[in-house]
């Protein structure tokens, strides 16, 4: 896989069972194959997303032996 797959939260929130199942299948496959997924239309504010990315970067910048 060359890129992180993305899923659309609107599919899961849909009343359409096929769209909901498609979301579940795609997110499950992404976590099984690479462990990451990008979530589109997530309703989070831009500031919160910025803070989350900052904290993820801080985590991955920790020395390896910090765990």
PDB file of N, CA and C in Angstrom:
ATOM      1  N   UNK A   1       0.846  -1.177   0.000  1.00  0.00           N
ATOM      2  CA  UNK A   1       0.000   0.000   0.000  1.00  0.00           C
ATOM      3  C   UNK A   1       0.891   1.238   0.000  1.00  0.00           C
ATOM      4  N   UNK A   2       0.620   2.171  -0.888  1.00  0.00           N
ATOM      5  CA  UNK A   2       1.453   3.353  -1.051  1.00  0.00           C
ATOM      6  C   UNK A   2       0.995   4.558  -0.244  1.00  0.00           C
ATOM      7  N   UNK A   3      -0.224   4.533   0.236  1.00  0.00           N
ATOM      8  CA  UNK A   3      -0.726   5.693   0.976  1.00  0.00           C
ATOM      9  C   UNK A   3      -1.703   5.230   2.050  1.00  0.00           C
ATOM     10  N   UNK A   4      -1.935   6.114   2.994  1.00  0.00           N
ATOM     11  CA  UNK A   4      -2.892   5.808   4.057  1.00  0.00           C
ATOM     12  C   UNK A   4      -4.298   5.904   3.463  1.00  0.00           C
ATOM     13  N   UNK A   5      -5.095   4.860   3.604  1.00  0.00           N
ATOM     14  CA  UNK A   5      -6.455   4.920   3.072  1.00  0.00           C
ATOM     15  C   UNK A   5      -7.311   5.889   3.879  1.00  0.00           C
ATOM     16  N   UNK A   6      -8.330   6.428   3.245  1.00  0.00           N
ATOM     17  CA  UNK A   6      -9.234   7.322   3.958  1.00  0.00           C
ATOM     18  C   UNK A   6     -10.660   6.801   3.843  1.00  0.00           C
ATOM     19  N   UNK A   7     -11.414   7.036   4.884  1.00  0.00           N
ATOM     20  CA  UNK A   7     -12.820   6.653   4.914  1.00  0.00           C
ATOM     21  C   UNK A   7     -13.635   7.898   5.230  1.00  0.00           C
ATOM     22  N   UNK A   8     -14.887   7.879   4.836  1.00  0.00           N
ATOM     23  CA  UNK A   8     -15.778   9.023   5.013  1.00  0.00           C
ATOM     24  C   UNK A   8     -16.790   8.690   6.101  1.00  0.00           C
ATOM     25  N   UNK A   9     -16.772   9.452   7.171  1.00  0.00           N
ATOM     26  CA  UNK A   9     -17.672   9.195   8.294  1.00  0.00           C
ATOM     27  C   UNK A   9     -19.141   9.274   7.880  1.00  0.00           C
ATOM     28  N   UNK A  10     -19.446  10.027   6.836  1.00  0.00           N
ATOM     29  CA  UNK A  10     -20.835  10.103   6.364  1.00  0.00           C
ATOM     30  C   UNK A  10     -21.355   8.741   5.947  1.00  0.00           C
ATOM     31  N   UNK A  11     -20.462   7.863   5.451  1.00  0.00           N
ATOM     32  CA  UNK A  11     -20.891   6.511   5.085  1.00  0.00           C
ATOM     33  C   UNK A  11     -21.372   5.752   6.315  1.00  0.00           C
ATOM     34  N   UNK A  12     -20.632   5.860   7.411  1.00  0.00           N
ATOM     35  CA  UNK A  12     -21.011   5.146   8.632  1.00  0.00           C
ATOM     36  C   UNK A  12     -22.285   5.727   9.242  1.00  0.00           C
ATOM     37  N   UNK A  13     -22.454   7.035   9.168  1.00  0.00           N
ATOM     38  CA  UNK A  13     -23.618   7.688   9.755  1.00  0.00           C
ATOM     39  C   UNK A  13     -24.858   7.601   8.869  1.00  0.00           C
ATOM     40  N   UNK A  14     -24.687   7.085   7.674  1.00  0.00           N
ATOM     41  CA  UNK A  14     -25.772   6.962   6.717  1.00  0.00           C
ATOM     42  C   UNK A  14     -26.817   5.949   7.193  1.00  0.00           C
ATOM     43  N   UNK A  15     -28.033   6.134   6.730  1.00  0.00           N
ATOM     44  CA  UNK A  15     -29.091   5.145   6.985  1.00  0.00           C
ATOM     45  C   UNK A  15     -29.020   3.989   5.997  1.00  0.00           C
ATOM     46  N   UNK A  16     -28.101   4.083   5.049  1.00  0.00           N
ATOM     47  CA  UNK A  16     -27.949   3.056   4.030  1.00  0.00           C
ATOM     48  C   UNK A  16     -27.038   1.946   4.553  1.00  0.00           C
ATOM     49  N   UNK A  17     -27.566   0.734   4.718  1.00  0.00           N
ATOM     50  CA  UNK A  17     -26.749  -0.359   5.277  1.00  0.00           C
ATOM     51  C   UNK A  17     -25.524  -0.713   4.426  1.00  0.00           C
ATOM     52  N   UNK A  18     -25.633  -0.556   3.102  1.00  0.00           N
ATOM     53  CA  UNK A  18     -24.479  -0.863   2.243  1.00  0.00           C
ATOM     54  C   UNK A  18     -23.345   0.133   2.462  1.00  0.00           C
ATOM     55  N   UNK A  19     -23.699   1.412   2.579  1.00  0.00           N
ATOM     56  CA  UNK A  19     -22.661   2.435   2.841  1.00  0.00           C
ATOM     57  C   UNK A  19     -22.013   2.206   4.197  1.00  0.00           C
ATOM     58  N   UNK A  20     -22.824   1.888   5.190  1.00  0.00           N
ATOM     59  CA  UNK A  20     -22.305   1.647   6.530  1.00  0.00           C
ATOM     60  C   UNK A  20     -21.360   0.445   6.517  1.00  0.00           C
ATOM     61  N   UNK A  21     -21.749  -0.635   5.836  1.00  0.00           N
ATOM     62  CA  UNK A  21     -20.907  -1.826   5.769  1.00  0.00           C
ATOM     63  C   UNK A  21     -19.622  -1.551   4.996  1.00  0.00           C
ATOM     64  N   UNK A  22     -19.719  -0.736   3.940  1.00  0.00           N
ATOM     65  CA  UNK A  22     -18.528  -0.348   3.170  1.00  0.00           C
ATOM     66  C   UNK A  22     -17.526   0.360   4.080  1.00  0.00           C
ATOM     67  N   UNK A  23     -18.010   1.285   4.905  1.00  0.00           N
ATOM     68  CA  UNK A  23     -17.152   1.993   5.853  1.00  0.00           C
ATOM     69  C   UNK A  23     -16.480   1.008   6.802  1.00  0.00           C
ATOM     70  N   UNK A  24     -17.271   0.116   7.382  1.00  0.00           N
ATOM     71  CA  UNK A  24     -16.733  -0.864   8.336  1.00  0.00           C
ATOM     72  C   UNK A  24     -15.671  -1.735   7.666  1.00  0.00           C
ATOM     73  N   UNK A  25     -15.948  -2.190   6.459  1.00  0.00           N
ATOM     74  CA  UNK A  25     -14.979  -3.026   5.739  1.00  0.00           C
ATOM     75  C   UNK A  25     -13.688  -2.266   5.444  1.00  0.00           C
ATOM     76  N   UNK A  26     -13.820  -1.027   4.986  1.00  0.00           N
ATOM     77  CA  UNK A  26     -12.644  -0.232   4.624  1.00  0.00           C
ATOM     78  C   UNK A  26     -11.795   0.122   5.844  1.00  0.00           C
ATOM     79  N   UNK A  27     -12.428   0.516   6.935  1.00  0.00           N
ATOM     80  CA  UNK A  27     -11.652   0.885   8.121  1.00  0.00           C
ATOM     81  C   UNK A  27     -10.994  -0.358   8.730  1.00  0.00           C
ATOM     82  N   UNK A  28     -11.706  -1.465   8.706  1.00  0.00           N
ATOM     83  CA  UNK A  28     -11.133  -2.709   9.211  1.00  0.00           C
ATOM     84  C   UNK A  28      -9.924  -3.141   8.402  1.00  0.00           C
ATOM     85  N   UNK A  29     -10.040  -3.074   7.083  1.00  0.00           N
ATOM     86  CA  UNK A  29      -8.928  -3.453   6.210  1.00  0.00           C
ATOM     87  C   UNK A  29      -7.722  -2.539   6.431  1.00  0.00           C
ATOM     88  N   UNK A  30      -7.973  -1.243   6.568  1.00  0.00           N
ATOM     89  CA  UNK A  30      -6.884  -0.283   6.774  1.00  0.00           C
ATOM     90  C   UNK A  30      -6.135  -0.592   8.068  1.00  0.00           C
ATOM     91  N   UNK A  31      -6.870  -0.845   9.149  1.00  0.00           N
ATOM     92  CA  UNK A  31      -6.212  -1.137  10.427  1.00  0.00           C
ATOM     93  C   UNK A  31      -5.489  -2.472  10.390  1.00  0.00           C
ATOM     94  N   UNK A  32      -6.045  -3.452   9.711  1.00  0.00           N
ATOM     95  CA  UNK A  32      -5.391  -4.759   9.612  1.00  0.00           C
ATOM     96  C   UNK A  32      -4.116  -4.697   8.782  1.00  0.00           C
ATOM     97  N   UNK A  33      -4.148  -3.942   7.684  1.00  0.00           N
ATOM     98  CA  UNK A  33      -3.022  -3.940   6.744  1.00  0.00           C
ATOM     99  C   UNK A  33      -1.913  -2.974   7.131  1.00  0.00           C
ATOM    100  N   UNK A  34      -2.266  -1.765   7.606  1.00  0.00           N
ATOM    101  CA  UNK A  34      -1.199  -0.801   7.910  1.00  0.00           C
ATOM    102  C   UNK A  34      -1.325  -0.133   9.266  1.00  0.00           C
ATOM    103  N   UNK A  35      -2.495  -0.220   9.895  1.00  0.00           N
ATOM    104  CA  UNK A  35      -2.650   0.332  11.231  1.00  0.00           C
ATOM    105  C   UNK A  35      -3.021   1.794  11.286  1.00  0.00           C
ATOM    106  N   UNK A  36      -3.269   2.405  10.151  1.00  0.00           N
ATOM    107  CA  UNK A  36      -3.642   3.816  10.102  1.00  0.00           C
ATOM    108  C   UNK A  36      -4.786   4.007   9.125  1.00  0.00           C
ATOM    109  N   UNK A  37      -5.564   5.042   9.367  1.00  0.00           N
ATOM    110  CA  UNK A  37      -6.624   5.415   8.437  1.00  0.00           C
ATOM    111  C   UNK A  37      -6.882   6.910   8.603  1.00  0.00           C
ATOM    112  N   UNK A  38      -7.191   7.567   7.496  1.00  0.00           N
ATOM    113  CA  UNK A  38      -7.577   8.973   7.539  1.00  0.00           C
ATOM    114  C   UNK A  38      -9.098   9.034   7.511  1.00  0.00           C
ATOM    115  N   UNK A  39      -9.659   9.862   8.382  1.00  0.00           N
ATOM    116  CA  UNK A  39     -11.110   9.979   8.484  1.00  0.00           C
ATOM    117  C   UNK A  39     -11.564  11.311   7.892  1.00  0.00           C
ATOM    118  N   UNK A  40     -12.363  11.232   6.826  1.00  0.00           N
ATOM    119  CA  UNK A  40     -12.903  12.433   6.184  1.00  0.00           C
ATOM    120  C   UNK A  40     -14.247  12.790   6.812  1.00  0.00           C
ATOM    121  N   UNK A  41     -14.568  14.076   6.803  1.00  0.00           N
ATOM    122  CA  UNK A  41     -15.841  14.602   7.293  1.00  0.00           C
ATOM    123  C   UNK A  41     -16.068  14.127   8.733  1.00  0.00           C
ATOM    124  N   UNK A  42     -15.130  14.495   9.605  1.00  0.00           N
ATOM    125  CA  UNK A  42     -15.127  14.011  10.980  1.00  0.00           C
ATOM    126  C   UNK A  42     -15.730  14.992  11.972  1.00  0.00           C
ATOM    127  N   UNK A  43     -16.063  16.175  11.579  1.00  0.00           N
ATOM    128  CA  UNK A  43     -16.722  17.176  12.414  1.00  0.00           C
ATOM    129  C   UNK A  43     -15.831  17.747  13.518  1.00  0.00           C
ATOM    130  N   UNK A  44     -14.525  17.496  13.467  1.00  0.00           N
ATOM    131  CA  UNK A  44     -13.608  18.076  14.440  1.00  0.00           C
ATOM    132  C   UNK A  44     -13.176  19.458  13.959  1.00  0.00           C
ATOM    133  N   UNK A  45     -12.974  20.373  14.887  1.00  0.00           N
ATOM    134  CA  UNK A  45     -12.538  21.718  14.502  1.00  0.00           C
ATOM    135  C   UNK A  45     -11.102  21.665  13.977  1.00  0.00           C
ATOM    136  N   UNK A  46     -10.741  22.642  13.178  1.00  0.00           N
ATOM    137  CA  UNK A  46      -9.377  22.721  12.648  1.00  0.00           C
ATOM    138  C   UNK A  46      -8.361  22.831  13.785  1.00  0.00           C
ATOM    139  N   UNK A  47      -8.712  23.578  14.826  1.00  0.00           N
ATOM    140  CA  UNK A  47      -7.803  23.738  15.965  1.00  0.00           C
ATOM    141  C   UNK A  47      -7.570  22.405  16.674  1.00  0.00           C
ATOM    142  N   UNK A  48      -8.618  21.634  16.867  1.00  0.00           N
ATOM    143  CA  UNK A  48      -8.467  20.337  17.515  1.00  0.00           C
ATOM    144  C   UNK A  48      -7.613  19.399  16.661  1.00  0.00           C
ATOM    145  N   UNK A  49      -7.830  19.402  15.376  1.00  0.00           N
ATOM    146  CA  UNK A  49      -7.022  18.570  14.470  1.00  0.00           C
ATOM    147  C   UNK A  49      -5.556  18.985  14.557  1.00  0.00           C
ATOM    148  N   UNK A  50      -5.297  20.290  14.567  1.00  0.00           N
ATOM    149  CA  UNK A  50      -3.926  20.785  14.706  1.00  0.00           C
ATOM    150  C   UNK A  50      -3.294  20.298  16.006  1.00  0.00           C
ATOM    151  N   UNK A  51      -4.043  20.391  17.099  1.00  0.00           N
ATOM    152  CA  UNK A  51      -3.549  19.930  18.402  1.00  0.00           C
ATOM    153  C   UNK A  51      -3.275  18.426  18.396  1.00  0.00           C
ATOM    154  N   UNK A  52      -4.165  17.674  17.776  1.00  0.00           N
ATOM    155  CA  UNK A  52      -3.971  16.223  17.704  1.00  0.00           C
ATOM    156  C   UNK A  52      -2.700  15.873  16.932  1.00  0.00           C
ATOM    157  N   UNK A  53      -2.507  16.509  15.781  1.00  0.00           N
ATOM    158  CA  UNK A  53      -1.298  16.251  14.993  1.00  0.00           C
ATOM    159  C   UNK A  53      -0.041  16.636  15.772  1.00  0.00           C
ATOM    160  N   UNK A  54      -0.116  17.722  16.503  1.00  0.00           N
ATOM    161  CA  UNK A  54       1.016  18.152  17.308  1.00  0.00           C
ATOM    162  C   UNK A  54       1.363  17.109  18.373  1.00  0.00           C
ATOM    163  N   UNK A  55       0.351  16.574  19.030  1.00  0.00           N
ATOM    164  CA  UNK A  55       0.587  15.561  20.060  1.00  0.00           C
ATOM    165  C   UNK A  55       1.105  14.254  19.463  1.00  0.00           C
ATOM    166  N   UNK A  56       0.593  13.884  18.311  1.00  0.00           N
ATOM    167  CA  UNK A  56       1.100  12.677  17.634  1.00  0.00           C
ATOM    168  C   UNK A  56       2.570  12.869  17.278  1.00  0.00           C
ATOM    169  N   UNK A  57       2.925  14.049  16.759  1.00  0.00           N
ATOM    170  CA  UNK A  57       4.323  14.333  16.428  1.00  0.00           C
ATOM    171  C   UNK A  57       5.183  14.265  17.685  1.00  0.00           C
ATOM    172  N   UNK A  58       4.699  14.849  18.785  1.00  0.00           N
ATOM    173  CA  UNK A  58       5.452  14.784  20.049  1.00  0.00           C
ATOM    174  C   UNK A  58       5.688  13.341  20.477  1.00  0.00           C
ATOM    175  N   UNK A  59       4.678  12.522  20.335  1.00  0.00           N
ATOM    176  CA  UNK A  59       4.813  11.113  20.696  1.00  0.00           C
ATOM    177  C   UNK A  59       5.894  10.427  19.859  1.00  0.00           C
ATOM    178  N   UNK A  60       5.831  10.610  18.544  1.00  0.00           N
ATOM    179  CA  UNK A  60       6.805   9.947  17.683  1.00  0.00           C
ATOM    180  C   UNK A  60       8.197  10.552  17.767  1.00  0.00           C
ATOM    181  N   UNK A  61       8.313  11.741  18.328  1.00  0.00           N
ATOM    182  CA  UNK A  61       9.625  12.354  18.543  1.00  0.00           C
ATOM    183  C   UNK A  61      10.292  11.895  19.837  1.00  0.00           C
ATOM    184  N   UNK A  62       9.564  11.162  20.676  1.00  0.00           N
ATOM    185  CA  UNK A  62      10.155  10.662  21.928  1.00  0.00           C
ATOM    186  C   UNK A  62      11.300   9.699  21.622  1.00  0.00           C
ATOM    187  N   UNK A  63      12.293   9.640  22.489  1.00  0.00           N
ATOM    188  CA  UNK A  63      13.363   8.660  22.312  1.00  0.00           C
ATOM    189  C   UNK A  63      12.771   7.241  22.339  1.00  0.00           C
ATOM    190  N   UNK A  64      13.359   6.368  21.591  1.00  0.00           N
ATOM    191  CA  UNK A  64      12.846   5.010  21.464  1.00  0.00           C
ATOM    192  C   UNK A  64      12.705   4.302  22.806  1.00  0.00           C
ATOM    193  N   UNK A  65      13.605   4.534  23.724  1.00  0.00           N
ATOM    194  CA  UNK A  65      13.606   3.824  25.006  1.00  0.00           C
ATOM    195  C   UNK A  65      12.674   4.446  26.050  1.00  0.00           C
ATOM    196  N   UNK A  66      11.781   5.337  25.649  1.00  0.00           N
ATOM    197  CA  UNK A  66      10.868   6.003  26.586  1.00  0.00           C
ATOM    198  C   UNK A  66       9.647   5.146  26.912  1.00  0.00           C
ATOM    199  N   UNK A  67       9.406   4.100  26.197  1.00  0.00           N
ATOM    200  CA  UNK A  67       8.185   3.303  26.400  1.00  0.00           C
ATOM    201  C   UNK A  67       8.158   2.520  27.663  1.00  0.00           C
TER     202      UNK A  67
END
